[in-house]
Amino acid sequence: MRLGAIFPQTEIGADPSAVKDFAQAAEDLGYDHILVFDHVLGADQTKRDGWDKPYNKDDMFHEPFVMFGYLGAITEKIEFTTGVLILGQRQTGLVAKQAAEVDVLTGGRLRLGIGIGWNNVEYEALGQSFSNRGRRSEEQIELLRLLWTQESVNFNGRYHKVTNAGINPLPVQRPIPIWLGGGEDRVIQRIGKMADGWFPQFQPDSAGQEKIGVMREAASKAGRDPKSIGIEGRVSYATDKQSDWEKIGAAWDEVGATHFSINTMKAGLKGPDQHIEAIKRFKEAVSG
């Protein structure tokens, strides 16, 4: 399995040197990819009664595409992954352009994980519909792939219209891999039908294996090879015991996972140095 370090978005701070240090350390340690979470705006929880969502205005998030442009210039081979970019709140054509540019400037090192998100506050602020985001995402995926592989696109869908136009430059990868997050039944069917990979939010126990089986069955029904769809398992530094890391990795490997990542957030770590030490410890544990 390819190993990933989840970028500690909410804890890394705004100092560019901290961002640089973490990315370069991950590459130097031999990690295959850095995975980045995404949020554009945070809700002001002090003005919203009963706000119980995972993030708010006090949680810092670097913008993935801009950060990847920065990191691409100071690294050489590590892959950049969004896990996930909230696609539905963004204009599809602009995402196609930004992703292609990152892929070009990094020499083909982008893997685009996407999701529909949960934060209606962001959708409102960005002028996109929250209610149809799931249905719309399938058309977005279709259009992204067309824009990444054709110099001129003519597309007339339910939510998008492109009349004989295209992006330039096209990406190195044609198309850029698209992975999906989430685990609802409709999402699992969508993954089997059209995704290149999946970020499941569960453990590879019997219930998790059943969901993977459902996804693979959906892939077969769509005429696809189920084994061609990647799966990225995950360990939490905060909640998973270090003594269990290797066992968890073996369980993901057994169910056919292609990638395995460590999340060091919410573990009380301070500054880039402690996060770097944590990913070093994880790498030694699962690679030794």
Foldseek 3Di string as FASTA:
>chain_A
DAEEAEDQFQFADDDVVLLQVLLVLCVVLPHQAYEYEDDDAFADVVVDPPDDDPTGRNGGGDHQLVSLLVNLVNDQGHAYEYPAAQPQLDDLQVVLQSQQVSQASNVRRYAHEYENDDDVVSSVVSVGDSPCSVVVVVVSVVVSLCQQADQFDADDDPPDGGHGHHDPPRHPDNRHAYEYEDQDPVVLLVLLQDHQEYEYPDALDPVVLVSLVSSCVSVVVNVHHSLRYAYEAEDEPQPDDLVCLQVSVVSCVVSNHPYYYYYDPPNPDHYSVRSSVVVSSSSVSNVD
